[in-house]
Amino acid sequence: MLFQRFVKGFLKNVSDFKYTLRILFAKDFIGSLITIAVIAISLTIPSVFYLIVKNTTILTNNITMGRNIVVYINSDVDSLTIAKYKDIFIKDKRFN
């Protein structure tokens, strides 16, 4: 009995929905489609923007703001030359 009521109610809701769609599209088909498209787009834009901001925040979380430079030195270079180049890099404003 409860199941029969549920099925009758469901079928009534489906028939009401079909009737509403028939009335909606009967008068102005193109206008109705455009209205539905505008509503769909306006509901989609905030969620897409939220996902973009969230993913960008996650991706840029580990980026350091300073510049890093790697210098490869041959093993036969003496420590005095290394210290000289280190001082040059420290004094250069482009690397700070």
N, C-alpha and C. Protein backbone atom coordinates (compact mmCIF):
# COMPACT_ATOMS: atom_id res chain seq x y z
N MET A 1 0.82 -1.20 0.00
CA MET A 1 0.00 0.00 0.00
C MET A 1 0.87 1.27 0.00
N LEU A 2 1.88 1.29 0.86
CA LEU A 2 2.78 2.44 0.91
C LEU A 2 3.55 2.57 -0.40
N PHE A 3 3.96 1.42 -0.93
CA PHE A 3 4.70 1.43 -2.20
C PHE A 3 3.81 1.94 -3.34
N GLN A 4 2.54 1.54 -3.34
CA GLN A 4 1.61 2.01 -4.38
C GLN A 4 1.41 3.51 -4.29
N ARG A 5 1.32 4.03 -3.07
CA ARG A 5 1.20 5.48 -2.88
C ARG A 5 2.44 6.20 -3.42
N PHE A 6 3.61 5.61 -3.10
CA PHE A 6 4.87 6.21 -3.56
C PHE A 6 4.92 6.24 -5.09
N VAL A 7 4.54 5.13 -5.71
CA VAL A 7 4.57 5.05 -7.17
C VAL A 7 3.58 6.04 -7.78
N LYS A 8 2.39 6.13 -7.22
CA LYS A 8 1.39 7.08 -7.74
C LYS A 8 1.88 8.52 -7.57
N GLY A 9 2.46 8.82 -6.42
CA GLY A 9 3.00 10.17 -6.20
C GLY A 9 4.14 10.48 -7.14
N PHE A 10 5.01 9.49 -7.34
CA PHE A 10 6.14 9.68 -8.24
C PHE A 10 5.66 9.91 -9.66
N LEU A 11 4.70 9.10 -10.10
CA LEU A 11 4.17 9.27 -11.46
C LEU A 11 3.45 10.60 -11.61
N LYS A 12 2.78 11.04 -10.56
CA LYS A 12 2.12 12.34 -10.62
C LYS A 12 3.17 13.45 -10.74
N ASN A 13 4.26 13.32 -9.99
CA ASN A 13 5.33 14.32 -10.07
C ASN A 13 5.97 14.32 -11.46
N VAL A 14 6.15 13.15 -12.02
CA VAL A 14 6.74 13.06 -13.36
C VAL A 14 5.80 13.69 -14.38
N SER A 15 4.51 13.40 -14.26
CA SER A 15 3.56 13.98 -15.21
C SER A 15 3.46 15.50 -15.03
N ASP A 16 3.56 15.98 -13.78
CA ASP A 16 3.58 17.43 -13.55
C ASP A 16 4.82 18.06 -14.17
N PHE A 17 5.96 17.38 -14.04
CA PHE A 17 7.20 17.90 -14.62
C PHE A 17 7.11 17.96 -16.14
N LYS A 18 6.56 16.89 -16.73
CA LYS A 18 6.40 16.88 -18.20
C LYS A 18 5.45 18.00 -18.64
N TYR A 19 4.39 18.19 -17.88
CA TYR A 19 3.43 19.26 -18.21
C TYR A 19 4.11 20.63 -18.12
N THR A 20 4.90 20.83 -17.08
CA THR A 20 5.61 22.11 -16.92
C THR A 20 6.57 22.35 -18.07
N LEU A 21 7.31 21.31 -18.46
CA LEU A 21 8.23 21.46 -19.60
C LEU A 21 7.47 21.75 -20.89
N ARG A 22 6.34 21.09 -21.08
CA ARG A 22 5.54 21.31 -22.28
C ARG A 22 5.06 22.76 -22.34
N ILE A 23 4.58 23.27 -21.22
CA ILE A 23 4.10 24.66 -21.16
C ILE A 23 5.27 25.62 -21.36
N LEU A 24 6.41 25.32 -20.71
CA LEU A 24 7.57 26.20 -20.80
C LEU A 24 8.07 26.33 -22.22
N PHE A 25 8.19 25.21 -22.93
CA PHE A 25 8.75 25.24 -24.27
C PHE A 25 7.72 25.50 -25.36
N ALA A 26 6.45 25.46 -25.03
CA ALA A 26 5.43 25.66 -26.05
C ALA A 26 5.37 27.10 -26.52
N LYS A 27 5.55 28.04 -25.62
CA LYS A 27 5.39 29.45 -25.97
C LYS A 27 6.60 29.99 -26.71
N ASP A 28 7.77 29.82 -26.13
CA ASP A 28 8.98 30.38 -26.72
C ASP A 28 10.14 29.41 -26.49
N PHE A 29 10.37 28.55 -27.44
CA PHE A 29 11.36 27.48 -27.29
C PHE A 29 12.76 28.06 -27.13
N ILE A 30 13.18 28.94 -28.02
CA ILE A 30 14.54 29.50 -27.98
C ILE A 30 14.75 30.33 -26.72
N GLY A 31 13.76 31.13 -26.38
CA GLY A 31 13.88 31.94 -25.17
C GLY A 31 14.02 31.09 -23.92
N SER A 32 13.29 29.98 -23.87
CA SER A 32 13.39 29.08 -22.72
C SER A 32 14.75 28.42 -22.65
N LEU A 33 15.28 28.00 -23.80
CA LEU A 33 16.61 27.40 -23.81
C LEU A 33 17.69 28.39 -23.37
N ILE A 34 17.57 29.62 -23.84
CA ILE A 34 18.54 30.64 -23.46
C ILE A 34 18.44 30.93 -21.96
N THR A 35 17.24 30.99 -21.43
CA THR A 35 17.06 31.22 -20.00
C THR A 35 17.69 30.10 -19.18
N ILE A 36 17.45 28.86 -19.59
CA ILE A 36 18.03 27.72 -18.88
C ILE A 36 19.56 27.75 -18.98
N ALA A 37 20.09 28.11 -20.14
CA ALA A 37 21.55 28.18 -20.32
C ALA A 37 22.15 29.27 -19.43
N VAL A 38 21.49 30.42 -19.34
CA VAL A 38 22.00 31.52 -18.50
C VAL A 38 22.00 31.10 -17.04
N ILE A 39 20.94 30.45 -16.61
CA ILE A 39 20.88 29.99 -15.21
C ILE A 39 21.97 28.96 -14.95
N ALA A 40 22.18 28.04 -15.87
CA ALA A 40 23.22 27.02 -15.69
C ALA A 40 24.61 27.63 -15.64
N ILE A 41 24.87 28.59 -16.51
CA ILE A 41 26.19 29.24 -16.51
C ILE A 41 26.39 30.05 -15.24
N SER A 42 25.35 30.77 -14.81
CA SER A 42 25.50 31.58 -13.60
C SER A 42 25.68 30.73 -12.36
N LEU A 43 25.20 29.51 -12.36
CA LEU A 43 25.44 28.61 -11.24
C LEU A 43 26.80 27.93 -11.33
N THR A 44 27.35 27.82 -12.52
CA THR A 44 28.63 27.14 -12.72
C THR A 44 29.82 28.05 -12.44
N ILE A 45 29.72 29.32 -12.78
CA ILE A 45 30.85 30.25 -12.68
C ILE A 45 31.43 30.33 -11.26
N PRO A 46 30.63 30.51 -10.20
CA PRO A 46 31.24 30.58 -8.86
C PRO A 46 31.98 29.31 -8.45
N SER A 47 31.45 28.15 -8.80
CA SER A 47 32.13 26.92 -8.41
C SER A 47 33.44 26.74 -9.17
N VAL A 48 33.45 27.11 -10.45
CA VAL A 48 34.70 27.03 -11.22
C VAL A 48 35.74 28.01 -10.67
N PHE A 49 35.30 29.22 -10.35
CA PHE A 49 36.22 30.20 -9.77
C PHE A 49 36.77 29.70 -8.44
N TYR A 50 35.93 29.10 -7.61
CA TYR A 50 36.38 28.56 -6.33
C TYR A 50 37.43 27.47 -6.55
N LEU A 51 37.19 26.57 -7.50
CA LEU A 51 38.14 25.50 -7.75
C LEU A 51 39.47 26.03 -8.28
N ILE A 52 39.41 27.04 -9.14
CA ILE A 52 40.65 27.64 -9.67
C ILE A 52 41.45 28.27 -8.55
N VAL A 53 40.79 29.03 -7.69
CA VAL A 53 41.49 29.69 -6.59
C VAL A 53 42.07 28.66 -5.63
N LYS A 54 41.30 27.64 -5.31
CA LYS A 54 41.77 26.61 -4.38
C LYS A 54 42.97 25.86 -4.95
N ASN A 55 42.90 25.46 -6.22
CA ASN A 55 44.02 24.73 -6.82
C ASN A 55 45.26 25.61 -6.97
N THR A 56 45.06 26.87 -7.31
CA THR A 56 46.20 27.78 -7.42
C THR A 56 46.86 27.98 -6.06
N THR A 57 46.06 28.08 -5.02
CA THR A 57 46.61 28.24 -3.67
C THR A 57 47.41 27.01 -3.27
N ILE A 58 46.89 25.84 -3.58
CA ILE A 58 47.61 24.61 -3.24
C ILE A 58 48.91 24.50 -4.03
N LEU A 59 48.87 24.85 -5.32
CA LEU A 59 50.07 24.73 -6.15
C LEU A 59 51.15 25.74 -5.77
N THR A 60 50.75 26.93 -5.38
CA THR A 60 51.74 27.97 -5.08
C THR A 60 52.11 28.03 -3.61
N ASN A 61 51.67 27.08 -2.84
CA ASN A 61 51.94 27.08 -1.41
C ASN A 61 53.42 26.87 -1.11
N ASN A 62 54.12 26.08 -1.91
CA ASN A 62 55.51 25.73 -1.63
C ASN A 62 56.52 26.53 -2.43
N ILE A 63 56.07 27.55 -3.13
CA ILE A 63 57.00 28.34 -3.93
C ILE A 63 57.68 29.37 -3.05
N THR A 64 59.00 29.39 -3.10
CA THR A 64 59.73 30.39 -2.34
C THR A 64 59.84 31.65 -3.17
N MET A 65 59.81 32.78 -2.50
CA MET A 65 59.81 34.05 -3.21
C MET A 65 61.22 34.52 -3.59
N GLY A 66 62.23 34.05 -2.92
CA GLY A 66 63.59 34.47 -3.23
C GLY A 66 64.14 33.74 -4.44
N ARG A 67 65.17 34.28 -5.01
CA ARG A 67 65.81 33.64 -6.16
C ARG A 67 66.88 32.70 -5.66
N ASN A 68 66.95 31.57 -6.29
CA ASN A 68 67.97 30.58 -5.94
C ASN A 68 68.90 30.43 -7.13
N ILE A 69 70.18 30.28 -6.83
CA ILE A 69 71.17 30.07 -7.88
C ILE A 69 72.06 28.91 -7.46
N VAL A 70 72.38 28.08 -8.42
CA VAL A 70 73.24 26.94 -8.18
C VAL A 70 74.51 27.14 -9.00
N VAL A 71 75.64 27.02 -8.35
CA VAL A 71 76.93 27.17 -9.01
C VAL A 71 77.68 25.85 -8.89
N TYR A 72 78.05 25.30 -10.02
CA TYR A 72 78.83 24.06 -10.03
C TYR A 72 80.30 24.42 -10.19
N ILE A 73 81.13 23.88 -9.31
CA ILE A 73 82.56 24.20 -9.30
C ILE A 73 83.35 22.91 -9.46
N ASN A 74 84.36 22.99 -10.27
CA ASN A 74 85.24 21.83 -10.43
C ASN A 74 85.94 21.53 -9.11
N SER A 75 86.30 20.29 -8.95
CA SER A 75 86.93 19.88 -7.68
C SER A 75 88.37 20.40 -7.54
N ASP A 76 88.98 20.82 -8.63
CA ASP A 76 90.36 21.30 -8.54
C ASP A 76 90.48 22.80 -8.27
N VAL A 77 89.35 23.51 -8.04
CA VAL A 77 89.38 24.94 -7.76
C VAL A 77 89.70 25.14 -6.28
N ASP A 78 90.60 26.09 -6.00
CA ASP A 78 90.99 26.32 -4.61
C ASP A 78 89.93 27.12 -3.85
N SER A 79 89.98 27.06 -2.54
CA SER A 79 88.96 27.68 -1.69
C SER A 79 89.00 29.20 -1.77
N LEU A 80 90.13 29.80 -2.10
CA LEU A 80 90.22 31.26 -2.22
C LEU A 80 89.38 31.75 -3.40
N THR A 81 89.44 31.06 -4.52
CA THR A 81 88.63 31.43 -5.68
C THR A 81 87.15 31.25 -5.38
N ILE A 82 86.82 30.19 -4.68
CA ILE A 82 85.42 29.95 -4.31
C ILE A 82 84.91 31.08 -3.42
N ALA A 83 85.71 31.48 -2.47
CA ALA A 83 85.32 32.57 -1.56
C ALA A 83 85.16 33.88 -2.32
N LYS A 84 86.04 34.11 -3.32
CA LYS A 84 85.94 35.33 -4.12
C LYS A 84 84.62 35.38 -4.89
N TYR A 85 84.27 34.27 -5.54
CA TYR A 85 83.00 34.25 -6.28
C TYR A 85 81.79 34.32 -5.34
N LYS A 86 81.92 33.73 -4.16
CA LYS A 86 80.83 33.81 -3.19
C LYS A 86 80.61 35.27 -2.77
N ASP A 87 81.66 35.99 -2.54
CA ASP A 87 81.54 37.42 -2.18
C ASP A 87 80.93 38.22 -3.32
N ILE A 88 81.31 37.89 -4.55
CA ILE A 88 80.73 38.60 -5.71
C ILE A 88 79.22 38.38 -5.76
N PHE A 89 78.79 37.16 -5.56
CA PHE A 89 77.35 36.88 -5.59
C PHE A 89 76.61 37.53 -4.43
N ILE A 90 77.23 37.56 -3.27
CA ILE A 90 76.57 38.20 -2.10
C ILE A 90 76.42 39.68 -2.31
N LYS A 91 77.42 40.33 -2.90
CA LYS A 91 77.37 41.79 -3.12
C LYS A 91 76.45 42.19 -4.26
N ASP A 92 76.19 41.29 -5.18
CA ASP A 92 75.35 41.61 -6.35
C ASP A 92 73.89 41.69 -5.91
N LYS A 93 73.25 42.83 -6.15
CA LYS A 93 71.86 43.07 -5.74
C LYS A 93 70.84 42.22 -6.52
N ARG A 94 71.21 41.73 -7.67
CA ARG A 94 70.28 40.93 -8.45
C ARG A 94 69.98 39.59 -7.81
N PHE A 95 70.85 39.11 -6.95
CA PHE A 95 70.69 37.81 -6.33
C PHE A 95 70.17 37.88 -4.91
N ASN A 96 69.93 39.06 -4.39
CA ASN A 96 69.43 39.19 -3.00
C ASN A 96 67.95 39.37 -2.97
